[in-house]
Amino acid sequence: METGIIILVVVGFYLLISLLTGIIPSLRITKSVGGFVAGDRSMNVFILYFVIGASIFSSFAFLGGPGWAYSRGAAAFYIIAYGVIGIVPLYFFGPRAWRLGKKYGYVTQAELLADRFDSRFMSVMLAVLSVVVFIPYLTLQMVGAGYVLNVISEGMIPYWAGAGGTYLVVLIYVYFSGVMGVGWSNAFQGMFMMVMAWVLGIYLPHAMYGGIGEMFTAMMDAGHEAMLQAPGLAADGTPWDWWGFSSAVIVSAVGFSVWPHFFMRSFAAKSTRSLRLSVVLYPTFLIFLVPILLIGFSAVVAFPGVEQADSILPHVLMQLELPAIVIGLFCAGALAASMSSGDAILHSAASIGIRDGVNQVLKTPLRDTTERLLIQLSVLLIGLVAYLFAVVIDVSIVALLLGSYGGVAQIFPIIFAMFYWRRATRAGALSGLIGGILVNTFFLVFADLKPLPMHEGMYGLAANILLLIGVSLITQPDERERIEKFTGSGPG
């Protein structure tokens, strides 16, 4: 019990620092929607690097990654594969979005698309889509926080209380500071998370097997060769096929740079140079996934039969004879992973829901102060909804994210068309987006009807692109001046 209390004190101290780091920026940003949503376009390379990196690598990486390595082996490498190529489009999309945002005041992805295709309906539709896919993504983060605190406290902290307590801290600093609170807290959480990942990823194989090579040898000797052969295992323990692996990589890579909360960071950058440099540096963040996966592999032989694979990291920590302070620091690292994505998602979901959804259906636009207040209240509401899902859901952390990616990937074709295809029309864009979402959702629900065992997002993208091109070519071109505004916004 004494060990558990020390661990919780360390975690509590970490949460306090996160709260202060997130609250302080509220003293500097303007009390406007632009300040809350885009940070007055003042993020430098340092903050952007951690916002882009830490907001993507979350419970999905710190808990789901080891969970997949532990239960599915080489299948977990898909996470590294899609991250490497998924960031590339932002190098081209981001500066264009930044220039347009600075000139015309855009602070969200939907504002760009709705203006290019002259459609309020598109803005509302994207707002609904964004919030719908954000809920499971945010739920994923809360699930991770609940796992960690429940396991390290040896059940003393109920799962629901761990998730609730952690995200109360997140709610407070996002409510008061908006995107800059997210930025500065992500910088602290990102550095902390990376240090903990490397220390733990190298220490565990050496402590349990004598080295990383010896760890993999032990896995082979124990009959786990299938886990070390790409593409790894499927969820039911049978070999995963290349259709599933490659389509998961493609859909995740396509959706990666167009996640609304990720894309919105383009508007918060201090300059196009800061944005591009952050994107170029981003792959260094992927390196920290290597030790994360080693954590999962280290438990395959040493701790067989753990039913909840996503909790393997805290489970292993509690089985080793480590000082309580050390365990507390490692668990705080896992919470950092959860919070560094959860805050960005929460902020973006609320901003998009009000600015691109509610504000577009009203006859009279909201006043700046009213809009900011509604966004802040939405932070609380969306956080509550995600929390309710978190305490009743029983789905793999990685499965949750994979399901969300199929929907968000449908935004990519219309963003590409907005910047690079002059012949794209409003009717084509709407048809592609709606058709892609419907097809993706159909195969998500009726997975047994898939012609090939691919991720449902692939079928959605195929329908999306065909409808976008086909309908655009048979409908009247959009207004030339409007098209030029977006396609002529400078080199990609």
Protein backbone atom coordinates (compact mmCIF):
# COMPACT_ATOMS: atom_id res chain seq x y z
CA MET A 1 0.00 0.00 0.00
CA GLU A 2 2.88 2.38 0.84
CA THR A 3 4.37 1.79 -2.61
CA GLY A 4 1.03 2.58 -4.24
CA ILE A 5 0.76 5.85 -2.32
CA ILE A 6 4.26 6.96 -3.39
CA ILE A 7 3.42 6.17 -7.02
CA LEU A 8 0.20 8.17 -6.81
CA VAL A 9 2.01 11.12 -5.21
CA VAL A 10 4.48 11.18 -8.13
CA VAL A 11 1.62 10.98 -10.64
CA GLY A 12 -0.27 13.70 -8.75
CA PHE A 13 2.78 15.98 -8.87
CA TYR A 14 3.02 15.39 -12.62
CA LEU A 15 -0.65 16.30 -13.07
CA LEU A 16 -0.13 19.50 -11.09
CA ILE A 17 2.78 20.56 -13.32
CA SER A 18 0.69 19.77 -16.42
CA LEU A 19 -2.13 21.92 -15.06
CA LEU A 20 0.13 24.88 -14.37
CA THR A 21 1.88 24.53 -17.74
CA GLY A 22 -1.49 24.59 -19.47
CA ILE A 23 -3.01 27.43 -17.44
CA ILE A 24 -0.16 29.98 -17.68
CA PRO A 25 -0.62 30.68 -21.44
CA SER A 26 -4.16 31.96 -20.71
CA LEU A 27 -2.49 35.08 -19.30
CA ARG A 28 -0.87 35.89 -22.66
CA ILE A 29 -3.38 35.16 -25.44
CA THR A 30 -6.11 37.61 -26.43
CA LYS A 31 -9.62 36.87 -25.15
CA SER A 32 -10.94 36.36 -28.66
CA VAL A 33 -11.94 33.37 -30.75
CA GLY A 34 -8.72 33.81 -32.75
CA GLY A 35 -6.71 33.67 -29.53
CA PHE A 36 -8.53 30.63 -28.18
CA VAL A 37 -8.63 28.65 -31.44
CA ALA A 38 -5.43 29.71 -33.25
CA GLY A 39 -3.29 31.21 -30.48
CA ASP A 40 -3.11 34.55 -32.34
CA ARG A 41 -0.99 32.67 -34.95
CA SER A 42 2.07 32.79 -32.70
CA MET A 43 3.36 29.19 -32.35
CA ASN A 44 7.10 28.87 -32.98
CA VAL A 45 8.99 25.79 -34.19
CA PHE A 46 9.59 24.46 -30.67
CA ILE A 47 5.91 24.48 -29.70
CA LEU A 48 4.70 23.32 -33.12
CA TYR A 49 7.09 20.37 -33.09
CA PHE A 50 5.64 19.05 -29.86
CA VAL A 51 2.05 19.95 -30.71
CA ILE A 52 2.27 18.03 -33.99
CA GLY A 53 4.16 15.11 -32.47
CA ALA A 54 2.60 14.81 -29.03
CA SER A 55 -0.95 15.34 -30.27
CA ILE A 56 -0.62 12.31 -32.56
CA PHE A 57 1.28 9.94 -30.26
CA SER A 58 -1.12 9.29 -27.47
CA SER A 59 -2.60 6.39 -25.53
CA PHE A 60 -2.68 4.83 -28.96
CA ALA A 61 1.13 4.77 -28.99
CA PHE A 62 2.07 4.45 -25.32
CA LEU A 63 -0.53 1.82 -24.44
CA GLY A 64 -2.01 0.58 -27.72
CA GLY A 65 1.41 0.19 -29.36
CA PRO A 66 2.83 -2.12 -26.65
CA GLY A 67 -0.57 -3.83 -26.54
CA TRP A 68 -0.38 -4.71 -30.23
CA ALA A 69 3.28 -5.75 -29.98
CA TYR A 70 2.35 -8.00 -27.03
CA SER A 71 -0.73 -9.57 -28.65
CA ARG A 72 -0.11 -9.21 -32.40
CA GLY A 73 3.65 -8.86 -32.83
CA ALA A 74 4.90 -7.36 -36.11
CA ALA A 75 1.42 -6.04 -36.88
CA ALA A 76 2.31 -3.08 -34.62
CA PHE A 77 4.87 -1.88 -37.19
CA TYR A 78 2.03 -0.44 -39.24
CA ILE A 79 2.03 2.49 -36.79
CA ILE A 80 5.55 3.51 -37.83
CA ALA A 81 4.82 2.88 -41.51
CA TYR A 82 1.88 5.24 -41.80
CA GLY A 83 3.47 7.94 -39.65
CA VAL A 84 6.46 8.21 -41.98
CA ILE A 85 4.40 8.91 -45.09
CA GLY A 86 1.31 10.45 -43.50
CA ILE A 87 3.07 13.69 -42.54
CA VAL A 88 4.21 14.50 -46.12
CA PRO A 89 0.97 16.15 -47.36
CA LEU A 90 1.08 18.72 -44.55
CA TYR A 91 4.36 20.05 -45.96
CA PHE A 92 2.38 21.12 -49.03
CA PHE A 93 -1.10 21.73 -47.61
CA GLY A 94 0.02 23.54 -44.47
CA PRO A 95 1.71 26.64 -45.94
CA ARG A 96 -1.19 27.18 -48.35
CA ALA A 97 -3.66 26.98 -45.48
CA TRP A 98 -1.51 29.34 -43.38
CA ARG A 99 -1.39 32.01 -46.10
CA LEU A 100 -5.12 31.83 -46.68
CA GLY A 101 -5.82 31.85 -42.95
CA LYS A 102 -3.69 34.92 -42.36
CA LYS A 103 -5.26 36.78 -45.29
CA TYR A 104 -8.92 35.82 -44.78
CA GLY A 105 -9.10 34.94 -41.09
CA TYR A 106 -9.63 31.17 -41.32
CA VAL A 107 -8.84 29.18 -38.18
CA THR A 108 -10.42 25.80 -39.02
CA GLN A 109 -10.23 23.27 -41.82
CA ALA A 110 -13.96 23.45 -42.56
CA GLU A 111 -13.83 27.22 -43.06
CA LEU A 112 -11.36 26.73 -45.91
CA LEU A 113 -13.37 23.99 -47.59
CA ALA A 114 -16.76 25.66 -47.12
CA ASP A 115 -15.47 28.87 -48.68
CA ARG A 116 -13.75 27.14 -51.61
CA PHE A 117 -16.86 25.14 -52.47
CA ASP A 118 -19.29 27.89 -51.40
CA SER A 119 -21.28 25.59 -49.14
CA ARG A 120 -22.49 26.15 -45.60
CA PHE A 121 -23.85 22.64 -45.69
CA MET A 122 -20.31 21.33 -46.19
CA SER A 123 -19.17 23.28 -43.14
CA VAL A 124 -21.92 21.80 -40.98
CA MET A 125 -21.32 18.33 -42.39
CA LEU A 126 -17.59 18.52 -41.66
CA ALA A 127 -18.34 19.78 -38.17
CA VAL A 128 -20.59 16.78 -37.52
CA LEU A 129 -18.05 14.35 -39.04
CA SER A 130 -15.21 15.86 -37.02
CA VAL A 131 -17.04 15.66 -33.70
CA VAL A 132 -18.25 12.11 -34.46
CA VAL A 133 -14.73 10.80 -35.16
CA PHE A 134 -13.25 12.87 -32.33
CA ILE A 135 -15.45 11.24 -29.69
CA PRO A 136 -13.91 7.74 -30.01
CA TYR A 137 -10.45 9.32 -30.37
CA LEU A 138 -10.94 11.24 -27.11
CA THR A 139 -12.51 8.17 -25.50
CA LEU A 140 -9.35 6.29 -26.43
CA GLN A 141 -7.24 8.75 -24.42
CA MET A 142 -9.49 8.49 -21.37
CA VAL A 143 -9.46 4.70 -21.56
CA GLY A 144 -5.66 4.82 -21.48
CA ALA A 145 -5.56 7.09 -18.43
CA GLY A 146 -8.05 4.87 -16.62
CA TYR A 147 -6.01 1.72 -17.34
CA VAL A 148 -2.80 3.24 -16.02
CA LEU A 149 -4.12 4.57 -12.72
CA ASN A 150 -6.22 1.48 -12.02
CA VAL A 151 -3.31 -0.91 -12.53
CA ILE A 152 -0.60 1.07 -10.72
CA SER A 153 -2.87 1.60 -7.72
CA GLU A 154 -3.58 -2.15 -7.67
CA GLY A 155 -7.28 -1.43 -7.99
CA MET A 156 -7.34 1.21 -5.27
CA ILE A 157 -8.34 3.81 -7.87
CA PRO A 158 -11.32 2.59 -9.90
CA TYR A 159 -10.94 2.79 -13.66
CA TRP A 160 -13.68 5.44 -13.90
CA ALA A 161 -12.02 7.62 -11.25
CA GLY A 162 -8.60 7.44 -12.92
CA ALA A 163 -9.99 8.55 -16.27
CA GLY A 164 -12.13 11.25 -14.66
CA GLY A 165 -9.40 12.70 -12.46
CA THR A 166 -6.85 12.90 -15.24
CA TYR A 167 -9.24 14.55 -17.66
CA LEU A 168 -10.49 17.02 -15.11
CA VAL A 169 -6.99 18.52 -15.29
CA VAL A 170 -7.18 18.57 -19.10
CA LEU A 171 -10.64 20.16 -19.07
CA ILE A 172 -9.45 22.97 -16.81
CA TYR A 173 -6.46 24.10 -18.85
CA VAL A 174 -8.16 23.66 -22.23
CA TYR A 175 -11.17 25.65 -20.96
CA PHE A 176 -9.05 28.61 -19.90
CA SER A 177 -6.13 28.63 -22.36
CA GLY A 178 -7.34 27.08 -25.61
CA VAL A 179 -4.74 26.09 -28.16
CA MET A 180 -1.78 27.73 -26.44
CA GLY A 181 -2.50 25.78 -23.28
CA VAL A 182 -2.52 22.68 -25.46
CA GLY A 183 0.77 23.77 -27.05
CA TRP A 184 2.77 24.42 -23.90
CA SER A 185 1.41 21.41 -22.05
CA ASN A 186 2.23 19.24 -25.10
CA ALA A 187 5.81 20.51 -25.05
CA PHE A 188 6.23 19.46 -21.41
CA GLN A 189 4.34 16.18 -21.87
CA GLY A 190 6.15 15.34 -25.11
CA MET A 191 9.64 15.74 -23.65
CA PHE A 192 8.67 13.78 -20.55
CA MET A 193 7.06 11.02 -22.60
CA MET A 194 10.05 10.59 -24.93
CA VAL A 195 12.54 10.27 -22.07
CA MET A 196 10.38 7.71 -20.26
CA ALA A 197 9.84 5.70 -23.46
CA TRP A 198 13.54 5.34 -24.21
CA VAL A 199 14.55 4.53 -20.66
CA LEU A 200 11.85 1.89 -20.26
CA GLY A 201 12.18 0.43 -23.77
CA ILE A 202 15.89 -0.22 -23.29
CA TYR A 203 15.73 -1.22 -19.63
CA LEU A 204 13.04 -3.93 -19.80
CA PRO A 205 14.69 -6.21 -22.41
CA HIS A 206 18.00 -5.98 -20.53
CA ALA A 207 16.42 -6.57 -17.13
CA MET A 208 14.36 -9.59 -18.21
CA TYR A 209 16.49 -11.20 -20.94
CA GLY A 210 19.93 -9.64 -20.89
CA GLY A 211 19.45 -7.61 -24.06
CA ILE A 212 17.20 -6.83 -27.00
CA GLY A 213 18.63 -9.59 -29.21
CA GLU A 214 18.28 -12.09 -26.40
CA MET A 215 14.65 -11.03 -25.97
CA PHE A 216 13.77 -11.88 -29.57
CA THR A 217 15.70 -15.15 -29.32
CA ALA A 218 13.63 -16.06 -26.27
CA MET A 219 10.45 -15.33 -28.21
CA MET A 220 11.50 -17.67 -31.01
CA ASP A 221 12.55 -20.39 -28.56
CA ALA A 222 9.12 -20.12 -26.93
CA GLY A 223 7.36 -20.70 -30.26
CA HIS A 224 6.36 -17.11 -31.09
CA GLU A 225 7.99 -16.95 -34.54
CA ALA A 226 4.69 -15.89 -36.16
CA MET A 227 4.67 -12.71 -34.09
CA LEU A 228 8.04 -11.70 -35.53
CA GLN A 229 7.05 -12.22 -39.16
CA ALA A 230 5.32 -9.40 -41.03
CA PRO A 231 2.51 -8.59 -41.14
CA GLY A 232 1.99 -10.16 -37.72
CA LEU A 233 -1.21 -11.54 -36.24
CA ALA A 234 -4.85 -10.56 -36.65
CA ALA A 235 -7.08 -9.76 -33.67
CA ASP A 236 -8.16 -13.41 -33.36
CA GLY A 237 -4.56 -14.65 -33.18
CA THR A 238 -4.38 -15.98 -36.74
CA PRO A 239 -1.83 -14.56 -39.23
CA TRP A 240 -2.86 -11.10 -40.46
CA ASP A 241 -3.01 -10.89 -44.24
CA TRP A 242 -1.30 -8.26 -46.35
CA TRP A 243 -4.66 -6.87 -47.50
CA GLY A 244 -5.45 -5.87 -43.94
CA PHE A 245 -1.98 -4.61 -43.07
CA SER A 246 -1.35 -2.54 -46.21
CA SER A 247 -4.86 -1.05 -46.30
CA ALA A 248 -4.55 -0.07 -42.62
CA VAL A 249 -1.30 1.73 -43.48
CA ILE A 250 -2.80 3.50 -46.52
CA VAL A 251 -6.00 4.65 -44.82
CA SER A 252 -4.10 5.83 -41.75
CA ALA A 253 -1.52 7.68 -43.87
CA VAL A 254 -4.22 9.36 -45.96
CA GLY A 255 -6.16 10.43 -42.90
CA PHE A 256 -3.11 11.40 -40.85
CA SER A 257 -2.50 14.96 -42.08
CA VAL A 258 -6.18 15.85 -42.47
CA TRP A 259 -7.29 15.10 -38.93
CA PRO A 260 -9.02 18.43 -38.16
CA HIS A 261 -7.08 19.01 -34.92
CA PHE A 262 -3.81 18.26 -36.69
CA PHE A 263 -4.58 20.34 -39.79
CA MET A 264 -5.67 23.28 -37.63
CA ARG A 265 -2.13 23.67 -36.32
CA SER A 266 -1.29 25.13 -39.72
CA PHE A 267 -3.25 28.24 -38.76
CA ALA A 268 -1.50 28.59 -35.40
CA ALA A 269 2.04 28.67 -36.84
CA LYS A 270 4.10 31.83 -36.57
CA SER A 271 5.17 31.55 -40.22
CA THR A 272 5.26 29.12 -43.14
CA ARG A 273 8.93 28.52 -42.37
CA SER A 274 8.09 27.48 -38.79
CA LEU A 275 5.40 25.15 -40.09
CA ARG A 276 7.56 23.51 -42.76
CA LEU A 277 10.50 23.07 -40.39
CA SER A 278 8.22 21.43 -37.81
CA VAL A 279 6.96 19.01 -40.45
CA VAL A 280 10.50 18.17 -41.58
CA LEU A 281 11.57 17.53 -37.98
CA TYR A 282 8.47 15.50 -37.20
CA PRO A 283 9.84 12.06 -38.25
CA THR A 284 12.29 12.26 -35.34
CA PHE A 285 9.24 11.88 -33.11
CA LEU A 286 8.58 8.50 -34.72
CA ILE A 287 11.87 7.18 -33.37
CA PHE A 288 10.35 7.09 -29.91
CA LEU A 289 7.94 4.39 -31.12
CA VAL A 290 10.84 1.92 -31.33
CA PRO A 291 11.29 1.59 -27.54
CA ILE A 292 7.52 1.73 -27.09
CA LEU A 293 7.11 -1.45 -29.17
CA LEU A 294 10.05 -3.10 -27.40
CA ILE A 295 8.06 -2.75 -24.16
CA GLY A 296 5.31 -4.91 -25.62
CA PHE A 297 7.69 -7.51 -27.05
CA SER A 298 9.49 -7.81 -23.70
CA ALA A 299 6.31 -9.06 -22.03
CA VAL A 300 5.40 -11.81 -24.53
CA VAL A 301 7.47 -14.55 -22.89
CA ALA A 302 7.82 -13.09 -19.38
CA PHE A 303 4.13 -12.33 -18.77
CA PRO A 304 1.92 -14.56 -20.93
CA GLY A 305 -1.86 -14.57 -20.70
CA VAL A 306 -2.58 -10.94 -19.79
CA GLU A 307 -6.13 -10.57 -21.06
CA GLN A 308 -6.24 -6.78 -21.44
CA ALA A 309 -3.33 -6.26 -23.85
CA ASP A 310 -3.60 -2.47 -23.76
CA SER A 311 -2.73 -2.49 -20.05
CA ILE A 312 0.49 -4.47 -20.52
CA LEU A 313 2.78 -1.49 -19.77
CA PRO A 314 1.47 -0.73 -16.27
CA HIS A 315 1.04 -4.48 -15.66
CA VAL A 316 4.75 -5.12 -16.35
CA LEU A 317 5.82 -2.18 -14.19
CA MET A 318 3.92 -3.52 -11.21
CA GLN A 319 5.51 -6.97 -11.58
CA LEU A 320 9.09 -5.70 -11.49
CA GLU A 321 10.96 -4.77 -8.34
CA LEU A 322 11.44 -1.13 -9.21
CA PRO A 323 11.50 1.80 -6.76
CA ALA A 324 8.05 3.32 -6.33
CA ILE A 325 9.26 6.71 -7.56
CA VAL A 326 10.55 5.16 -10.78
CA ILE A 327 7.26 3.36 -11.40
CA GLY A 328 5.42 6.62 -10.74
CA LEU A 329 7.54 8.45 -13.31
CA PHE A 330 6.93 5.79 -15.96
CA CYS A 331 3.19 5.84 -15.32
CA ALA A 332 3.21 9.61 -15.51
CA GLY A 333 4.80 9.16 -18.95
CA ALA A 334 1.85 7.01 -19.99
CA LEU A 335 -0.54 9.70 -18.73
CA ALA A 336 1.45 12.29 -20.69
CA ALA A 337 0.79 10.28 -23.84
CA SER A 338 -2.93 10.23 -23.11
CA MET A 339 -3.22 13.90 -22.19
CA SER A 340 -1.07 15.25 -25.01
CA SER A 341 -3.57 14.02 -27.57
CA GLY A 342 -6.70 14.36 -25.48
CA ASP A 343 -6.28 18.09 -24.94
CA ALA A 344 -5.75 18.80 -28.66
CA ILE A 345 -8.75 16.67 -29.62
CA LEU A 346 -10.98 18.25 -26.99
CA HIS A 347 -10.02 21.78 -28.01
CA SER A 348 -10.50 21.10 -31.72
CA ALA A 349 -13.80 19.25 -31.34
CA ALA A 350 -15.31 22.13 -29.38
CA SER A 351 -13.92 24.79 -31.72
CA ILE A 352 -15.12 23.02 -34.86
CA GLY A 353 -18.51 22.10 -33.41
CA ILE A 354 -19.37 25.73 -32.63
CA ARG A 355 -17.49 27.67 -35.32
CA ASP A 356 -18.20 25.35 -38.26
CA GLY A 357 -21.44 23.83 -37.05
CA VAL A 358 -23.62 26.00 -34.82
CA ASN A 359 -22.42 29.33 -36.22
CA GLN A 360 -23.23 28.25 -39.78
CA VAL A 361 -26.88 27.35 -39.14
CA LEU A 362 -27.68 30.63 -37.40
CA LYS A 363 -29.06 33.52 -39.45
CA THR A 364 -27.00 36.03 -37.46
CA PRO A 365 -23.36 35.09 -36.76
CA LEU A 366 -22.38 34.85 -33.11
CA ARG A 367 -20.50 37.71 -31.51
CA ASP A 368 -16.83 36.98 -30.79
CA THR A 369 -17.26 36.83 -27.02
CA THR A 370 -20.36 34.65 -27.27
CA GLU A 371 -18.65 32.28 -29.70
CA ARG A 372 -15.65 31.87 -27.42
CA LEU A 373 -17.90 31.18 -24.43
CA LEU A 374 -19.86 28.54 -26.37
CA ILE A 375 -16.61 26.87 -27.44
CA GLN A 376 -15.48 26.75 -23.81
CA LEU A 377 -18.80 25.24 -22.71
CA SER A 378 -18.54 22.72 -25.54
CA VAL A 379 -15.16 21.65 -24.16
CA LEU A 380 -16.98 20.57 -21.01
CA LEU A 381 -19.88 18.91 -22.85
CA ILE A 382 -17.73 16.92 -25.31
CA GLY A 383 -15.42 15.88 -22.48
CA LEU A 384 -18.42 14.54 -20.56
CA VAL A 385 -19.77 12.60 -23.54
CA ALA A 386 -16.38 10.99 -24.24
CA TYR A 387 -16.02 10.12 -20.56
CA LEU A 388 -19.39 8.34 -20.55
CA PHE A 389 -18.24 6.25 -23.51
CA ALA A 390 -14.90 5.55 -21.81
CA VAL A 391 -16.40 4.06 -18.67
CA VAL A 392 -18.72 1.65 -20.51
CA ILE A 393 -16.75 0.70 -23.63
CA ASP A 394 -14.84 -2.56 -24.14
CA VAL A 395 -12.88 -2.15 -27.39
CA SER A 396 -9.16 -2.34 -28.21
CA ILE A 397 -7.47 1.08 -28.11
CA VAL A 398 -5.95 0.60 -31.57
CA ALA A 399 -9.27 -0.70 -32.94
CA LEU A 400 -10.95 2.50 -31.76
CA LEU A 401 -8.49 4.65 -33.66
CA LEU A 402 -8.55 2.51 -36.79
CA GLY A 403 -12.33 2.88 -36.89
CA SER A 404 -12.06 6.67 -36.70
CA TYR A 405 -9.43 6.88 -39.43
CA GLY A 406 -11.78 5.45 -42.07
CA GLY A 407 -14.14 8.38 -41.63
CA VAL A 408 -11.59 11.17 -41.37
CA ALA A 409 -9.65 9.88 -44.42
CA GLN A 410 -12.62 10.92 -46.57
CA ILE A 411 -11.62 14.56 -46.09
CA PHE A 412 -8.31 14.10 -47.95
CA PRO A 413 -9.63 14.01 -51.56
CA ILE A 414 -11.55 17.28 -51.21
CA ILE A 415 -8.60 19.06 -49.56
CA PHE A 416 -6.35 17.92 -52.40
CA ALA A 417 -8.95 19.07 -54.93
CA MET A 418 -9.35 22.43 -53.17
CA PHE A 419 -5.69 23.29 -53.67
CA TYR A 420 -4.71 21.42 -56.83
CA TRP A 421 -7.70 20.65 -59.07
CA ARG A 422 -9.42 23.68 -60.55
CA ARG A 423 -12.19 21.62 -62.14
CA ALA A 424 -13.49 20.33 -58.79
CA THR A 425 -17.01 21.59 -58.14
CA ARG A 426 -19.22 21.98 -55.10
CA ALA A 427 -21.48 19.16 -56.28
CA GLY A 428 -18.49 16.89 -56.88
CA ALA A 429 -16.93 17.62 -53.50
CA LEU A 430 -20.18 17.06 -51.61
CA SER A 431 -20.97 13.89 -53.55
CA GLY A 432 -17.50 12.48 -52.92
CA LEU A 433 -17.52 13.32 -49.22
CA ILE A 434 -21.02 11.99 -48.56
CA GLY A 435 -20.53 8.89 -50.73
CA GLY A 436 -17.18 8.09 -49.11
CA ILE A 437 -18.56 8.39 -45.59
CA LEU A 438 -21.61 6.24 -46.40
CA VAL A 439 -19.55 3.48 -48.03
CA ASN A 440 -17.00 3.52 -45.20
CA THR A 441 -19.75 3.32 -42.60
CA PHE A 442 -21.54 0.51 -44.46
CA PHE A 443 -18.47 -1.72 -44.52
CA LEU A 444 -17.61 -0.79 -40.95
CA VAL A 445 -21.00 -2.09 -39.83
CA PHE A 446 -21.23 -4.99 -42.30
CA ALA A 447 -17.60 -6.11 -42.37
CA ASP A 448 -18.52 -9.59 -43.61
CA LEU A 449 -19.70 -8.11 -46.92
CA LYS A 450 -16.30 -6.73 -47.94
CA PRO A 451 -15.20 -8.14 -51.33
CA LEU A 452 -11.59 -8.14 -50.06
CA PRO A 453 -10.36 -8.07 -46.43
CA MET A 454 -9.28 -4.44 -46.61
CA HIS A 455 -9.88 -1.58 -44.20
CA GLU A 456 -13.35 -0.13 -44.84
CA GLY A 457 -11.77 3.28 -45.42
CA MET A 458 -10.30 1.99 -48.71
CA TYR A 459 -13.77 1.31 -50.10
CA GLY A 460 -14.87 4.74 -48.90
CA LEU A 461 -11.92 6.45 -50.60
CA ALA A 462 -12.58 4.60 -53.87
CA ALA A 463 -16.21 5.77 -53.90
CA ASN A 464 -15.17 9.26 -52.78
CA ILE A 465 -12.63 9.79 -55.59
CA LEU A 466 -14.91 8.36 -58.30
CA LEU A 467 -17.81 10.58 -57.27
CA LEU A 468 -15.60 13.67 -56.84
CA ILE A 469 -14.16 13.31 -60.35
CA GLY A 470 -17.29 12.07 -62.10
CA VAL A 471 -19.76 14.58 -60.68
CA SER A 472 -17.31 17.49 -61.03
CA LEU A 473 -16.81 16.75 -64.74
CA ILE A 474 -20.54 16.68 -65.51
CA THR A 475 -21.46 19.80 -63.51
CA GLN A 476 -20.91 23.48 -64.18
CA PRO A 477 -17.44 24.72 -63.08
CA ASP A 478 -17.34 26.85 -59.93
CA GLU A 479 -16.75 30.58 -60.01
CA ARG A 480 -13.31 31.28 -61.49
CA GLU A 481 -12.38 33.99 -58.99
CA ARG A 482 -13.17 31.70 -56.06
CA ILE A 483 -11.10 28.87 -57.56
CA GLU A 484 -8.12 31.16 -58.18
CA LYS A 485 -8.23 32.31 -54.56
CA PHE A 486 -7.34 28.79 -53.42
CA THR A 487 -5.34 27.26 -56.26
CA GLY A 488 -3.27 30.41 -56.62
CA SER A 489 -2.34 30.71 -52.95
CA GLY A 490 1.36 30.19 -53.58
CA PRO A 491 3.58 27.18 -54.15
CA GLY A 492 2.66 24.02 -52.25
